[in-house]
Amino acid sequence: MAIDMSKMKAKLNSVQNRGNARTSQFWRPSDGDQTIRIVPTADGDPFKEYWFHYNVGKNSGFLSPKKNFGEDDPLDSFVRQLFNEGTDESVKMAKNLMARQRFFSPVIVRGEEDKGVRIWGYGKTVYEQLLNLVLNPEYGDITDPEAGTDLMLNYGKPSGASFPQTKLMPSRRTSTICPNISSEECVKLLESIPDFGTLFERKTPEDVQRMLDEYLTDDESAEDMSNETNHYGNTTSQTNTANSVESAFNELLG
């Protein structure tokens, strides 16, 4: 029997739509000023922490089985082995491959409420800004639906900087989270928070071992490893390291 082309087209559309749906769950700030509102979560913690490995050959960033789920992680073990060796080159390589933190919050972007709640990913510096803000009694629960606080966000690369920076400024006045829609519509909007458990593909320890083996046995990767290690792993070049992680993170969410 010949292949049913209509079914094949339906399968392709399904795959493409899933990919688009996944991408649309994330929000990246554009250069300049934007206003956002962090959305409350059912567990009372709108600041989610994940650990990612980057720079493993041509693979995009992926969740660390060890740091996130307490599972055996061949890459984590390899990084520990490199640190234990203690040579300059092994320590540089370990720093290049070790897991790194990223943080995520559900947000509504003002002016784009019709796109629903999306997930904003950011680094440790922004995370600390947010925690200091919520622990400040002048602001408290910035996610409160009735008396929370919008955040004015400025994103861009300052003159002379190697990678973009994010600056946050809380609004001087509290506000409702849905000022321009009905309470019923607001409830639906707040219920549209993407499921954090489905945001990133979860790799098994076997998957990670396979990627690590390919990385270490690939002649091209081995040759690039030295250059990347010198470029990104050098302790005197933390800006380059941050830039590489930011690029990998953007690729992951793209």
C-alpha atoms as a PDB file:
ATOM      1  CA  MET A   1       0.000   0.000   0.000  1.00  0.00           C
ATOM      2  CA  ALA A   2       1.291   3.439  -0.904  1.00  0.00           C
ATOM      3  CA  ILE A   3       2.065   5.974   1.802  1.00  0.00           C
ATOM      4  CA  ASP A   4      -0.931   8.105   2.718  1.00  0.00           C
ATOM      5  CA  MET A   5       0.456  11.581   1.970  1.00  0.00           C
ATOM      6  CA  SER A   6      -2.375  13.360   3.787  1.00  0.00           C
ATOM      7  CA  LYS A   7      -1.440  11.516   6.988  1.00  0.00           C
ATOM      8  CA  MET A   8       2.222  12.378   6.466  1.00  0.00           C
ATOM      9  CA  LYS A   9       1.352  16.068   6.129  1.00  0.00           C
ATOM     10  CA  ALA A  10      -0.752  15.866   9.288  1.00  0.00           C
ATOM     11  CA  LYS A  11       2.183  14.308  11.166  1.00  0.00           C
ATOM     12  CA  LEU A  12       4.545  17.036   9.951  1.00  0.00           C
ATOM     13  CA  ASN A  13       2.117  19.786  10.937  1.00  0.00           C
ATOM     14  CA  SER A  14       1.733  18.204  14.356  1.00  0.00           C
ATOM     15  CA  VAL A  15       5.493  18.130  14.942  1.00  0.00           C
ATOM     16  CA  GLN A  16       5.964  21.697  13.719  1.00  0.00           C
ATOM     17  CA  ASN A  17       3.094  22.990  15.822  1.00  0.00           C
ATOM     18  CA  ARG A  18       4.492  21.303  18.925  1.00  0.00           C
ATOM     19  CA  GLY A  19       7.821  22.984  18.273  1.00  0.00           C
ATOM     20  CA  ASN A  20       6.167  26.362  17.844  1.00  0.00           C
ATOM     21  CA  ALA A  21       4.104  25.821  20.981  1.00  0.00           C
ATOM     22  CA  ARG A  22       7.231  25.016  22.959  1.00  0.00           C
ATOM     23  CA  THR A  23       9.055  28.112  21.726  1.00  0.00           C
ATOM     24  CA  SER A  24       6.055  30.335  22.431  1.00  0.00           C
ATOM     25  CA  GLN A  25       6.102  29.279  26.080  1.00  0.00           C
ATOM     26  CA  PHE A  26       9.286  31.289  26.609  1.00  0.00           C
ATOM     27  CA  TRP A  27       9.826  35.010  26.666  1.00  0.00           C
ATOM     28  CA  ARG A  28      13.106  36.768  25.987  1.00  0.00           C
ATOM     29  CA  PRO A  29      13.422  40.489  26.627  1.00  0.00           C
ATOM     30  CA  SER A  30      14.263  42.595  23.621  1.00  0.00           C
ATOM     31  CA  ASP A  31      16.682  45.502  23.750  1.00  0.00           C
ATOM     32  CA  GLY A  32      15.288  48.461  25.621  1.00  0.00           C
ATOM     33  CA  ASP A  33      12.532  48.861  28.202  1.00  0.00           C
ATOM     34  CA  GLN A  34       9.679  46.475  28.917  1.00  0.00           C
ATOM     35  CA  THR A  35       7.252  46.041  31.800  1.00  0.00           C
ATOM     36  CA  ILE A  36       6.473  42.622  33.220  1.00  0.00           C
ATOM     37  CA  ARG A  37       4.513  41.101  36.078  1.00  0.00           C
ATOM     38  CA  ILE A  38       5.646  37.891  37.733  1.00  0.00           C
ATOM     39  CA  VAL A  39       2.676  35.544  38.100  1.00  0.00           C
ATOM     40  CA  PRO A  40       1.965  33.687  41.370  1.00  0.00           C
ATOM     41  CA  THR A  41       2.331  29.911  41.327  1.00  0.00           C
ATOM     42  CA  ALA A  42       0.317  27.300  43.194  1.00  0.00           C
ATOM     43  CA  ASP A  43       3.335  26.214  45.257  1.00  0.00           C
ATOM     44  CA  GLY A  44       4.162  29.753  46.356  1.00  0.00           C
ATOM     45  CA  ASP A  45       7.554  29.755  44.607  1.00  0.00           C
ATOM     46  CA  PRO A  46       7.632  31.655  41.300  1.00  0.00           C
ATOM     47  CA  PHE A  47      11.431  31.446  41.094  1.00  0.00           C
ATOM     48  CA  LYS A  48      12.391  28.027  39.699  1.00  0.00           C
ATOM     49  CA  GLU A  49      16.005  26.879  39.705  1.00  0.00           C
ATOM     50  CA  TYR A  50      17.503  24.447  37.184  1.00  0.00           C
ATOM     51  CA  TRP A  51      21.022  23.306  36.414  1.00  0.00           C
ATOM     52  CA  PHE A  52      22.247  22.910  32.832  1.00  0.00           C
ATOM     53  CA  HIS A  53      25.332  21.474  31.173  1.00  0.00           C
ATOM     54  CA  TYR A  54      26.662  23.349  28.145  1.00  0.00           C
ATOM     55  CA  ASN A  55      29.616  23.017  25.755  1.00  0.00           C
ATOM     56  CA  VAL A  56      29.373  19.241  25.287  1.00  0.00           C
ATOM     57  CA  GLY A  57      30.227  19.127  21.608  1.00  0.00           C
ATOM     58  CA  LYS A  58      27.438  20.315  19.333  1.00  0.00           C
ATOM     59  CA  ASN A  59      24.698  19.479  21.843  1.00  0.00           C
ATOM     60  CA  SER A  60      22.574  22.335  23.118  1.00  0.00           C
ATOM     61  CA  GLY A  61      22.298  22.875  26.849  1.00  0.00           C
ATOM     62  CA  PHE A  62      20.557  20.096  28.764  1.00  0.00           C
ATOM     63  CA  LEU A  63      19.362  19.462  32.306  1.00  0.00           C
ATOM     64  CA  SER A  64      21.906  17.956  34.679  1.00  0.00           C
ATOM     65  CA  PRO A  65      20.573  14.578  35.897  1.00  0.00           C
ATOM     66  CA  LYS A  66      22.636  14.894  39.095  1.00  0.00           C
ATOM     67  CA  LYS A  67      21.887  18.477  40.078  1.00  0.00           C
ATOM     68  CA  ASN A  68      18.205  18.438  39.171  1.00  0.00           C
ATOM     69  CA  PHE A  69      17.071  14.900  39.928  1.00  0.00           C
ATOM     70  CA  GLY A  70      19.775  13.270  42.067  1.00  0.00           C
ATOM     71  CA  GLU A  71      20.458  10.660  39.387  1.00  0.00           C
ATOM     72  CA  ASP A  72      23.769   9.204  38.292  1.00  0.00           C
ATOM     73  CA  ASP A  73      25.409  11.683  35.963  1.00  0.00           C
ATOM     74  CA  PRO A  74      28.471  10.581  33.967  1.00  0.00           C
ATOM     75  CA  LEU A  75      29.281  14.172  33.074  1.00  0.00           C
ATOM     76  CA  ASP A  76      29.131  15.309  36.703  1.00  0.00           C
ATOM     77  CA  SER A  77      31.458  12.448  37.642  1.00  0.00           C
ATOM     78  CA  PHE A  78      33.827  13.360  34.810  1.00  0.00           C
ATOM     79  CA  VAL A  79      33.898  16.991  35.961  1.00  0.00           C
ATOM     80  CA  ARG A  80      34.742  15.884  39.506  1.00  0.00           C
ATOM     81  CA  GLN A  81      37.508  13.688  38.140  1.00  0.00           C
ATOM     82  CA  LEU A  82      38.951  16.648  36.238  1.00  0.00           C
ATOM     83  CA  PHE A  83      38.899  18.842  39.343  1.00  0.00           C
ATOM     84  CA  ASN A  84      40.583  16.084  41.354  1.00  0.00           C
ATOM     85  CA  GLU A  85      43.377  15.827  38.807  1.00  0.00           C
ATOM     86  CA  GLY A  86      44.165  19.409  39.692  1.00  0.00           C
ATOM     87  CA  THR A  87      46.190  20.390  36.628  1.00  0.00           C
ATOM     88  CA  ASP A  88      45.622  23.764  34.999  1.00  0.00           C
ATOM     89  CA  GLU A  89      44.180  22.154  31.879  1.00  0.00           C
ATOM     90  CA  SER A  90      41.915  19.706  33.745  1.00  0.00           C
ATOM     91  CA  VAL A  91      40.515  22.453  35.989  1.00  0.00           C
ATOM     92  CA  LYS A  92      39.853  24.674  32.980  1.00  0.00           C
ATOM     93  CA  MET A  93      38.056  21.846  31.220  1.00  0.00           C
ATOM     94  CA  ALA A  94      36.043  21.065  34.343  1.00  0.00           C
ATOM     95  CA  LYS A  95      34.879  24.677  34.623  1.00  0.00           C
ATOM     96  CA  ASN A  96      33.852  24.612  30.973  1.00  0.00           C
ATOM     97  CA  LEU A  97      31.728  21.459  31.408  1.00  0.00           C
ATOM     98  CA  MET A  98      30.350  21.842  34.924  1.00  0.00           C
ATOM     99  CA  ALA A  99      26.627  22.430  35.439  1.00  0.00           C
ATOM    100  CA  ARG A 100      25.446  26.031  35.671  1.00  0.00           C
ATOM    101  CA  GLN A 101      22.368  27.542  37.268  1.00  0.00           C
ATOM    102  CA  ARG A 102      19.553  29.264  35.435  1.00  0.00           C
ATOM    103  CA  PHE A 103      16.356  30.578  36.949  1.00  0.00           C
ATOM    104  CA  PHE A 104      12.840  30.817  35.517  1.00  0.00           C
ATOM    105  CA  SER A 105       9.639  32.673  36.380  1.00  0.00           C
ATOM    106  CA  PRO A 106       6.175  32.856  34.818  1.00  0.00           C
ATOM    107  CA  VAL A 107       5.471  36.376  33.596  1.00  0.00           C
ATOM    108  CA  ILE A 108       2.892  38.502  31.877  1.00  0.00           C
ATOM    109  CA  VAL A 109       4.416  41.073  29.545  1.00  0.00           C
ATOM    110  CA  ARG A 110       2.494  44.317  29.601  1.00  0.00           C
ATOM    111  CA  GLY A 111       1.066  45.084  26.180  1.00  0.00           C
ATOM    112  CA  GLU A 112       1.280  41.394  25.251  1.00  0.00           C
ATOM    113  CA  GLU A 113      -1.274  39.936  27.650  1.00  0.00           C
ATOM    114  CA  ASP A 114      -2.990  38.242  24.710  1.00  0.00           C
ATOM    115  CA  LYS A 115       0.022  35.893  24.454  1.00  0.00           C
ATOM    116  CA  GLY A 116      -0.721  34.508  27.914  1.00  0.00           C
ATOM    117  CA  VAL A 117       1.715  33.614  30.666  1.00  0.00           C
ATOM    118  CA  ARG A 118       5.213  32.876  29.419  1.00  0.00           C
ATOM    119  CA  ILE A 119       8.430  31.717  31.029  1.00  0.00           C
ATOM    120  CA  TRP A 120      11.287  34.148  31.518  1.00  0.00           C
ATOM    121  CA  GLY A 121      14.786  32.739  32.020  1.00  0.00           C
ATOM    122  CA  TYR A 122      17.539  34.712  33.746  1.00  0.00           C
ATOM    123  CA  GLY A 123      20.806  34.388  35.640  1.00  0.00           C
ATOM    124  CA  LYS A 124      22.007  34.614  39.218  1.00  0.00           C
ATOM    125  CA  THR A 125      22.416  38.389  39.295  1.00  0.00           C
ATOM    126  CA  VAL A 126      18.772  38.991  38.344  1.00  0.00           C
ATOM    127  CA  TYR A 127      17.691  36.217  40.734  1.00  0.00           C
ATOM    128  CA  GLU A 128      19.381  38.019  43.619  1.00  0.00           C
ATOM    129  CA  GLN A 129      17.715  41.290  42.602  1.00  0.00           C
ATOM    130  CA  LEU A 130      14.315  39.602  42.680  1.00  0.00           C
ATOM    131  CA  LEU A 131      14.877  37.933  46.059  1.00  0.00           C
ATOM    132  CA  ASN A 132      16.055  41.186  47.607  1.00  0.00           C
ATOM    133  CA  LEU A 133      12.956  42.849  46.233  1.00  0.00           C
ATOM    134  CA  VAL A 134      10.459  40.358  47.669  1.00  0.00           C
ATOM    135  CA  LEU A 135      12.260  40.379  51.032  1.00  0.00           C
ATOM    136  CA  ASN A 136      12.016  44.166  51.155  1.00  0.00           C
ATOM    137  CA  PRO A 137       9.001  45.014  53.369  1.00  0.00           C
ATOM    138  CA  GLU A 138       8.297  48.001  51.132  1.00  0.00           C
ATOM    139  CA  TYR A 139       7.269  45.560  48.379  1.00  0.00           C
ATOM    140  CA  GLY A 140       6.661  42.103  49.816  1.00  0.00           C
ATOM    141  CA  ASP A 141       4.675  39.783  47.556  1.00  0.00           C
ATOM    142  CA  ILE A 142       5.217  41.353  44.147  1.00  0.00           C
ATOM    143  CA  THR A 143       3.098  38.591  42.572  1.00  0.00           C
ATOM    144  CA  ASP A 144      -0.067  39.370  44.543  1.00  0.00           C
ATOM    145  CA  PRO A 145      -2.978  39.496  42.047  1.00  0.00           C
ATOM    146  CA  GLU A 146      -4.611  42.470  43.749  1.00  0.00           C
ATOM    147  CA  ALA A 147      -1.725  44.447  45.243  1.00  0.00           C
ATOM    148  CA  GLY A 148       1.417  43.235  43.523  1.00  0.00           C
ATOM    149  CA  THR A 149       4.094  45.182  41.701  1.00  0.00           C
ATOM    150  CA  ASP A 150       4.966  45.468  38.034  1.00  0.00           C
ATOM    151  CA  LEU A 151       8.656  45.438  37.157  1.00  0.00           C
ATOM    152  CA  MET A 152      10.196  47.776  34.637  1.00  0.00           C
ATOM    153  CA  LEU A 153      12.968  45.850  32.906  1.00  0.00           C
ATOM    154  CA  ASN A 154      15.795  47.345  30.879  1.00  0.00           C
ATOM    155  CA  TYR A 155      17.769  44.904  28.756  1.00  0.00           C
ATOM    156  CA  GLY A 156      20.771  45.665  26.604  1.00  0.00           C
ATOM    157  CA  LYS A 157      24.523  45.657  26.194  1.00  0.00           C
ATOM    158  CA  PRO A 158      26.195  48.671  27.830  1.00  0.00           C
ATOM    159  CA  SER A 159      29.050  50.340  25.999  1.00  0.00           C
ATOM    160  CA  GLY A 160      32.172  48.231  26.352  1.00  0.00           C
ATOM    161  CA  ALA A 161      30.334  45.210  27.791  1.00  0.00           C
ATOM    162  CA  SER A 162      30.669  41.770  26.222  1.00  0.00           C
ATOM    163  CA  PHE A 163      27.143  40.550  26.885  1.00  0.00           C
ATOM    164  CA  PRO A 164      23.702  42.033  27.661  1.00  0.00           C
ATOM    165  CA  GLN A 165      22.699  43.073  31.154  1.00  0.00           C
ATOM    166  CA  THR A 166      19.301  43.228  32.832  1.00  0.00           C
ATOM    167  CA  LYS A 167      18.232  46.014  35.167  1.00  0.00           C
ATOM    168  CA  LEU A 168      15.007  45.888  37.166  1.00  0.00           C
ATOM    169  CA  MET A 169      13.045  48.741  38.698  1.00  0.00           C
ATOM    170  CA  PRO A 170       9.825  48.071  40.650  1.00  0.00           C
ATOM    171  CA  SER A 171       6.857  50.266  39.938  1.00  0.00           C
ATOM    172  CA  ARG A 172       6.229  52.918  42.610  1.00  0.00           C
ATOM    173  CA  ARG A 173       2.591  51.865  42.851  1.00  0.00           C
ATOM    174  CA  THR A 174       0.967  48.501  43.409  1.00  0.00           C
ATOM    175  CA  SER A 175      -1.618  47.314  40.907  1.00  0.00           C
ATOM    176  CA  THR A 176      -3.927  44.456  40.050  1.00  0.00           C
ATOM    177  CA  ILE A 177      -2.470  41.819  37.798  1.00  0.00           C
ATOM    178  CA  CYS A 178      -5.320  42.104  35.273  1.00  0.00           C
ATOM    179  CA  PRO A 179      -6.376  45.764  35.143  1.00  0.00           C
ATOM    180  CA  ASN A 180      -8.090  45.664  31.759  1.00  0.00           C
ATOM    181  CA  ILE A 181      -9.925  42.335  31.604  1.00  0.00           C
ATOM    182  CA  SER A 182     -12.761  40.673  33.500  1.00  0.00           C
ATOM    183  CA  SER A 183     -12.164  38.518  36.564  1.00  0.00           C
ATOM    184  CA  GLU A 184     -13.167  35.421  34.593  1.00  0.00           C
ATOM    185  CA  GLU A 185     -10.657  36.212  31.854  1.00  0.00           C
ATOM    186  CA  CYS A 186      -8.029  36.928  34.489  1.00  0.00           C
ATOM    187  CA  VAL A 187      -8.552  33.532  36.084  1.00  0.00           C
ATOM    188  CA  LYS A 188      -8.068  31.857  32.713  1.00  0.00           C
ATOM    189  CA  LEU A 189      -4.940  33.916  32.092  1.00  0.00           C
ATOM    190  CA  LEU A 190      -3.396  32.948  35.426  1.00  0.00           C
ATOM    191  CA  GLU A 191      -4.235  29.312  34.794  1.00  0.00           C
ATOM    192  CA  SER A 192      -2.256  29.377  31.553  1.00  0.00           C
ATOM    193  CA  ILE A 193       1.123  29.024  33.280  1.00  0.00           C
ATOM    194  CA  PRO A 194       3.158  26.487  31.269  1.00  0.00           C
ATOM    195  CA  ASP A 195       3.975  23.231  33.035  1.00  0.00           C
ATOM    196  CA  PHE A 196       7.564  23.586  34.246  1.00  0.00           C
ATOM    197  CA  GLY A 197       7.961  19.809  34.131  1.00  0.00           C
ATOM    198  CA  THR A 198       7.609  19.798  30.343  1.00  0.00           C
ATOM    199  CA  LEU A 199       9.743  22.828  29.460  1.00  0.00           C
ATOM    200  CA  PHE A 200      13.018  20.991  28.917  1.00  0.00           C
ATOM    201  CA  GLU A 201      13.811  17.553  27.586  1.00  0.00           C
ATOM    202  CA  ARG A 202      15.081  15.283  30.332  1.00  0.00           C
ATOM    203  CA  LYS A 203      18.188  13.286  29.447  1.00  0.00           C
ATOM    204  CA  THR A 204      18.818   9.897  30.979  1.00  0.00           C
ATOM    205  CA  PRO A 205      22.254   9.022  32.396  1.00  0.00           C
ATOM    206  CA  GLU A 206      22.684   6.801  29.336  1.00  0.00           C
ATOM    207  CA  ASP A 207      21.970   9.753  27.040  1.00  0.00           C
ATOM    208  CA  VAL A 208      24.557  11.858  28.852  1.00  0.00           C
ATOM    209  CA  GLN A 209      27.155   9.085  28.709  1.00  0.00           C
ATOM    210  CA  ARG A 210      26.649   8.762  24.979  1.00  0.00           C
ATOM    211  CA  MET A 211      27.040  12.510  24.434  1.00  0.00           C
ATOM    212  CA  LEU A 212      30.165  12.582  26.593  1.00  0.00           C
ATOM    213  CA  ASP A 213      31.697   9.618  24.760  1.00  0.00           C
ATOM    214  CA  GLU A 214      31.030  11.260  21.400  1.00  0.00           C
ATOM    215  CA  TYR A 215      32.496  14.515  22.626  1.00  0.00           C
ATOM    216  CA  LEU A 216      35.691  12.936  23.937  1.00  0.00           C
ATOM    217  CA  THR A 217      36.269  10.646  20.953  1.00  0.00           C
ATOM    218  CA  ASP A 218      35.470  13.133  18.223  1.00  0.00           C
ATOM    219  CA  ASP A 219      38.777  14.388  16.836  1.00  0.00           C
ATOM    220  CA  GLU A 220      37.250  17.687  15.860  1.00  0.00           C
ATOM    221  CA  SER A 221      35.707  18.181  19.281  1.00  0.00           C
ATOM    222  CA  ALA A 222      38.952  17.196  20.940  1.00  0.00           C
ATOM    223  CA  GLU A 223      40.809  19.799  18.896  1.00  0.00           C
ATOM    224  CA  ASP A 224      38.179  22.456  19.628  1.00  0.00           C
ATOM    225  CA  MET A 225      38.169  21.504  23.301  1.00  0.00           C
ATOM    226  CA  SER A 226      41.593  22.999  23.886  1.00  0.00           C
ATOM    227  CA  ASN A 227      40.658  26.253  22.189  1.00  0.00           C
ATOM    228  CA  GLU A 228      37.295  26.499  23.953  1.00  0.00           C
ATOM    229  CA  THR A 229      38.871  25.642  27.287  1.00  0.00           C
ATOM    230  CA  ASN A 230      41.475  28.359  26.906  1.00  0.00           C
ATOM    231  CA  HIS A 231      38.823  30.793  25.758  1.00  0.00           C
ATOM    232  CA  TYR A 232      36.028  30.049  28.192  1.00  0.00           C
ATOM    233  CA  GLY A 233      37.629  28.232  31.089  1.00  0.00           C
ATOM    234  CA  ASN A 234      40.354  30.755  31.903  1.00  0.00           C
ATOM    235  CA  THR A 235      39.657  32.110  35.376  1.00  0.00           C
ATOM    236  CA  THR A 236      40.830  35.550  34.256  1.00  0.00           C
ATOM    237  CA  SER A 237      38.203  35.654  31.511  1.00  0.00           C
ATOM    238  CA  GLN A 238      34.891  35.315  33.344  1.00  0.00           C
ATOM    239  CA  THR A 239      33.168  37.681  30.907  1.00  0.00           C
ATOM    240  CA  ASN A 240      33.838  35.304  28.024  1.00  0.00           C
ATOM    241  CA  THR A 241      32.487  32.414  30.100  1.00  0.00           C
ATOM    242  CA  ALA A 242      29.300  34.280  30.902  1.00  0.00           C
ATOM    243  CA  ASN A 243      28.889  35.226  27.258  1.00  0.00           C
ATOM    244  CA  SER A 244      29.246  31.610  26.094  1.00  0.00           C
ATOM    245  CA  VAL A 245      26.677  30.418  28.634  1.00  0.00           C
ATOM    246  CA  GLU A 246      24.272  33.189  27.651  1.00  0.00           C
ATOM    247  CA  SER A 247      24.618  32.212  23.979  1.00  0.00           C
ATOM    248  CA  ALA A 248      24.077  28.524  24.792  1.00  0.00           C
ATOM    249  CA  PHE A 249      21.046  29.375  26.888  1.00  0.00           C
ATOM    250  CA  ASN A 250      19.526  31.471  24.110  1.00  0.00           C
ATOM    251  CA  GLU A 251      20.095  28.586  21.702  1.00  0.00           C
ATOM    252  CA  LEU A 252      18.424  26.218  24.126  1.00  0.00           C
ATOM    253  CA  LEU A 253      15.281  28.322  24.306  1.00  0.00           C
ATOM    254  CA  GLY A 254      15.265  29.077  20.577  1.00  0.00           C
END
